[in-house]
Amino acid sequence: MNSKAVYIFPFYPFNTEELSINLNGFSKENILFLAMTLYLNILENLAGKKDKIDIYCIWDESDKDNLPDELKSNNYKVIFTDESNKKTIFENLSSKEFSLYKNNLIVFSDVIDLKLSDYEQYFNLLNIENESLVIAKNKENSIAVFGFNNYSNEIMDNLLLSNFSYNDFLGRIKSCTHFMHIVNDVLLVRNINNFKQLYFELSQKKSIEYCSQKMHERFTHLFVEHKDLLK
């Protein structure tokens, strides 16, 4: 068994109403297409580490029939659950999966600009004797990645109560003894401005490090569909 695990945690199913407002002009189908493309992009970036990292894909049990072929591979551990209840999901993970690994990394499925080397950096930061957290956040201080090397009910409860807001979380754990490593300015795609930023980032040559040509083509489909939003 590997000592490291990544959990791809879906953002979009929890926030469908908010997203329909924040991504005004997107059809329901295109929001789902964007969500799936972001999810698949994470899997593709982790493909080179499948033998060293166990990858858990959180998927809604009511949507089993629509599980994409990419997730049906034996390389991934799919957890079917009720995605509407984050607390239950984390309680179930804490009672089993989290305790199986030395280092755990929760990644929100709408993050885009994480390279394989970033994952390696996160796990290296966790691979110390002292209790440690790794937090990657966007410019709005929403948490995109949360890693830990020693599970704590208090930490996880406060993370959920903060709704993954970094500032809120920080205010709740003032007595925390964990050493915290903070990574800034990752990109989460949750509104039109994020979508515009995504378009800019993928126009840069360096984006090939975290977004393959195949994924670029999927995103390009959305850019063409919503070109008026990119002006």
Protein backbone atom coordinates (compact mmCIF):
# COMPACT_ATOMS: atom_id res chain seq x y z
CA MET A 1 0.00 0.00 0.00
CA ASN A 2 1.12 3.54 -0.75
CA SER A 3 1.73 6.01 2.06
CA LYS A 4 0.12 8.92 0.20
CA ALA A 5 -3.41 9.54 -0.99
CA VAL A 6 -5.19 12.21 -3.01
CA TYR A 7 -8.95 12.75 -2.73
CA ILE A 8 -10.62 14.63 -5.59
CA PHE A 9 -13.48 16.42 -3.92
CA PRO A 10 -16.24 17.73 -6.23
CA PHE A 11 -17.08 21.40 -5.82
CA TYR A 12 -19.76 21.86 -8.46
CA PRO A 13 -22.51 19.50 -7.13
CA PHE A 14 -22.55 21.39 -3.81
CA ASN A 15 -22.99 24.78 -5.44
CA THR A 16 -25.22 24.36 -8.48
CA GLU A 17 -27.47 27.33 -7.73
CA GLU A 18 -24.54 29.62 -6.96
CA LEU A 19 -22.75 28.53 -10.12
CA SER A 20 -25.78 29.13 -12.33
CA ILE A 21 -25.58 32.76 -11.14
CA ASN A 22 -21.78 33.13 -11.12
CA LEU A 23 -21.49 31.49 -14.54
CA ASN A 24 -24.36 33.48 -15.98
CA GLY A 25 -24.71 32.70 -19.68
CA PHE A 26 -23.61 29.07 -19.31
CA SER A 27 -26.17 26.39 -20.00
CA LYS A 28 -26.53 23.58 -17.47
CA GLU A 29 -24.87 21.27 -19.98
CA ASN A 30 -21.84 23.53 -20.36
CA ILE A 31 -21.47 23.93 -16.59
CA LEU A 32 -21.40 20.13 -16.33
CA PHE A 33 -18.94 19.93 -19.23
CA LEU A 34 -16.67 22.47 -17.53
CA ALA A 35 -16.90 20.59 -14.24
CA MET A 36 -16.02 17.26 -15.86
CA THR A 37 -13.14 18.75 -17.85
CA LEU A 38 -11.61 20.23 -14.71
CA TYR A 39 -12.03 16.89 -12.91
CA LEU A 40 -10.47 14.89 -15.75
CA ASN A 41 -7.60 17.35 -16.00
CA ILE A 42 -6.65 16.63 -12.38
CA LEU A 43 -6.72 12.88 -13.05
CA GLU A 44 -4.58 13.30 -16.13
CA ASN A 45 -1.98 15.30 -14.20
CA LEU A 46 -1.80 12.61 -11.52
CA ALA A 47 -1.51 9.78 -14.04
CA GLY A 48 2.26 9.66 -13.76
CA LYS A 49 2.07 8.99 -10.01
CA LYS A 50 -0.62 6.30 -9.92
CA ASP A 51 1.88 3.70 -8.74
CA LYS A 52 3.03 5.87 -5.81
CA ILE A 53 -0.16 7.70 -4.82
CA ASP A 54 -3.59 6.21 -4.20
CA ILE A 55 -6.21 8.35 -5.93
CA TYR A 56 -9.74 8.52 -4.57
CA CYS A 57 -12.50 9.95 -6.74
CA ILE A 58 -15.54 11.17 -4.81
CA TRP A 59 -18.68 10.65 -6.92
CA ASP A 60 -22.36 11.10 -6.23
CA GLU A 61 -24.12 7.77 -5.69
CA SER A 62 -27.23 9.02 -7.49
CA ASP A 63 -25.12 9.61 -10.61
CA LYS A 64 -23.45 6.19 -10.83
CA ASP A 65 -24.78 5.57 -14.31
CA ASN A 66 -22.92 8.62 -15.59
CA LEU A 67 -19.53 7.68 -14.19
CA PRO A 68 -17.09 8.50 -17.03
CA ASP A 69 -14.98 5.72 -18.51
CA GLU A 70 -11.83 7.44 -17.28
CA LEU A 71 -12.87 6.81 -13.68
CA LYS A 72 -13.72 3.16 -14.24
CA SER A 73 -10.05 2.26 -14.46
CA ASN A 74 -8.66 0.09 -11.68
CA ASN A 75 -6.09 2.80 -11.11
CA TYR A 76 -8.66 4.87 -9.22
CA LYS A 77 -10.66 4.20 -6.08
CA VAL A 78 -14.15 5.56 -6.60
CA ILE A 79 -16.15 6.39 -3.49
CA PHE A 80 -19.88 6.67 -4.17
CA THR A 81 -21.58 8.89 -1.61
CA ASP A 82 -24.23 11.50 -1.06
CA GLU A 83 -22.41 14.59 -2.30
CA SER A 84 -24.95 16.91 -0.71
CA ASN A 85 -23.57 16.18 2.76
CA LYS A 86 -19.94 17.21 3.12
CA LYS A 87 -19.88 16.45 6.84
CA THR A 88 -20.90 12.83 6.29
CA ILE A 89 -18.36 12.41 3.51
CA PHE A 90 -15.52 13.55 5.77
CA GLU A 91 -16.77 11.53 8.70
CA ASN A 92 -16.70 8.41 6.53
CA LEU A 93 -13.24 9.22 5.19
CA SER A 94 -11.89 9.89 8.68
CA SER A 95 -13.18 6.56 9.97
CA LYS A 96 -11.39 4.61 7.25
CA GLU A 97 -9.32 6.07 4.43
CA PHE A 98 -7.53 8.93 6.23
CA SER A 99 -6.11 6.53 8.82
CA LEU A 100 -4.62 4.27 6.14
CA TYR A 101 -2.11 6.83 4.90
CA LYS A 102 0.73 8.84 6.34
CA ASN A 103 -0.06 11.84 4.14
CA ASN A 104 -3.48 12.86 2.79
CA LEU A 105 -4.28 15.57 0.26
CA ILE A 106 -7.79 16.85 -0.47
CA VAL A 107 -8.06 18.57 -3.86
CA PHE A 108 -11.13 20.45 -5.01
CA SER A 109 -12.16 19.36 -8.47
CA ASP A 110 -12.39 22.87 -9.92
CA VAL A 111 -8.72 23.71 -9.46
CA ILE A 112 -6.78 23.96 -12.72
CA ASP A 113 -3.17 25.07 -12.44
CA LEU A 114 -1.58 22.25 -10.42
CA LYS A 115 1.42 20.56 -12.00
CA LEU A 116 2.71 17.15 -11.03
CA SER A 117 5.65 18.90 -9.38
CA ASP A 118 3.18 20.83 -7.21
CA TYR A 119 1.75 17.59 -5.84
CA GLU A 120 5.27 16.39 -5.15
CA GLN A 121 6.01 19.64 -3.31
CA TYR A 122 2.87 19.32 -1.17
CA PHE A 123 3.71 15.78 -0.13
CA ASN A 124 7.33 16.73 0.60
CA LEU A 125 6.07 19.48 2.91
CA LEU A 126 3.92 16.93 4.73
CA ASN A 127 6.65 14.34 4.96
CA ILE A 128 8.06 15.54 8.27
CA GLU A 129 7.80 14.27 11.84
CA ASN A 130 5.95 17.33 13.14
CA GLU A 131 2.22 17.69 12.62
CA SER A 132 1.85 19.65 9.42
CA LEU A 133 -0.78 21.14 7.12
CA VAL A 134 -0.50 22.24 3.51
CA ILE A 135 -3.05 24.76 2.28
CA ALA A 136 -3.24 26.07 -1.29
CA LYS A 137 -5.69 28.91 -1.83
CA ASN A 138 -6.82 31.30 -4.52
CA LYS A 139 -6.73 35.09 -4.50
CA GLU A 140 -10.15 35.19 -2.84
CA ASN A 141 -8.77 32.97 -0.02
CA SER A 142 -10.89 29.95 -0.91
CA ILE A 143 -9.06 26.73 -0.11
CA ALA A 144 -8.28 24.62 -3.17
CA VAL A 145 -5.98 22.02 -1.62
CA PHE A 146 -5.81 20.86 1.98
CA GLY A 147 -3.18 18.36 3.11
CA PHE A 148 -2.32 16.85 6.48
CA ASN A 149 0.03 14.24 7.92
CA ASN A 150 -1.87 13.61 11.13
CA TYR A 151 -5.66 13.55 11.13
CA SER A 152 -7.35 15.79 13.70
CA ASN A 153 -11.11 15.90 14.33
CA GLU A 154 -10.75 19.48 15.55
CA ILE A 155 -8.94 20.57 12.39
CA MET A 156 -11.43 18.86 10.08
CA ASP A 157 -14.48 20.12 11.99
CA ASN A 158 -13.21 23.69 11.75
CA LEU A 159 -12.41 23.25 8.07
CA LEU A 160 -16.01 22.23 7.41
CA LEU A 161 -17.41 25.02 9.61
CA SER A 162 -15.32 27.53 7.67
CA ASN A 163 -16.77 26.21 4.40
CA PHE A 164 -13.18 26.04 3.15
CA SER A 165 -12.60 29.75 3.57
CA TYR A 166 -8.96 30.24 4.56
CA ASN A 167 -9.53 33.37 6.65
CA ASP A 168 -12.45 31.82 8.50
CA PHE A 169 -10.53 28.59 9.06
CA LEU A 170 -7.52 30.49 10.38
CA GLY A 171 -9.69 32.38 12.84
CA ARG A 172 -11.09 29.13 14.21
CA ILE A 173 -7.77 27.36 14.87
CA LYS A 174 -5.78 29.98 16.76
CA SER A 175 -4.53 27.34 19.18
CA CYS A 176 -3.53 24.91 16.42
CA THR A 177 -0.09 23.38 16.96
CA HIS A 178 0.25 22.13 13.37
CA PHE A 179 2.92 23.74 11.23
CA MET A 180 1.16 25.34 8.24
CA HIS A 181 2.59 25.66 4.74
CA ILE A 182 0.61 28.15 2.64
CA VAL A 183 0.59 28.27 -1.16
CA ASN A 184 -1.04 31.32 -2.75
CA ASP A 185 -2.77 32.20 -6.01
CA VAL A 186 -3.92 28.87 -7.37
CA LEU A 187 -6.87 29.13 -9.77
CA LEU A 188 -10.35 27.85 -8.95
CA VAL A 189 -12.92 28.18 -11.75
CA ARG A 190 -16.14 29.32 -10.06
CA ASN A 191 -17.29 32.46 -11.84
CA ILE A 192 -16.97 34.44 -15.07
CA ASN A 193 -13.80 36.24 -13.95
CA ASN A 194 -12.21 32.87 -13.14
CA PHE A 195 -13.27 31.65 -16.60
CA LYS A 196 -11.59 34.66 -18.18
CA GLN A 197 -8.47 33.97 -16.13
CA LEU A 198 -8.60 30.35 -17.27
CA TYR A 199 -8.66 31.54 -20.89
CA PHE A 200 -5.63 33.75 -20.25
CA GLU A 201 -3.69 31.05 -18.42
CA LEU A 202 -4.30 28.42 -21.09
CA SER A 203 -3.09 30.84 -23.77
CA GLN A 204 0.36 30.72 -22.14
CA LYS A 205 2.85 28.09 -23.33
CA LYS A 206 3.61 27.04 -19.75
CA SER A 207 0.02 25.79 -19.36
CA ILE A 208 1.01 22.59 -21.17
CA GLU A 209 2.67 21.58 -17.89
CA TYR A 210 -0.74 21.10 -16.29
CA CYS A 211 -3.18 20.98 -19.21
CA SER A 212 -2.58 18.59 -22.11
CA GLN A 213 -3.55 19.22 -25.71
CA LYS A 214 -6.56 16.94 -25.25
CA MET A 215 -7.77 18.98 -22.29
CA HIS A 216 -6.99 22.23 -24.11
CA GLU A 217 -9.35 21.14 -26.86
CA ARG A 218 -12.13 20.49 -24.37
CA PHE A 219 -11.67 23.93 -22.82
CA THR A 220 -11.46 25.52 -26.28
CA HIS A 221 -14.94 24.18 -26.99
CA LEU A 222 -16.19 26.26 -24.05
CA PHE A 223 -14.16 29.31 -25.04
CA VAL A 224 -15.74 29.25 -28.50
CA GLU A 225 -19.22 28.74 -27.03
CA HIS A 226 -18.78 31.70 -24.71
CA LYS A 227 -16.48 33.97 -26.71
CA ASP A 228 -18.63 37.01 -25.91
CA LEU A 229 -17.78 36.59 -22.22
CA LEU A 230 -14.06 36.75 -22.98
CA LYS A 231 -14.08 40.22 -24.49
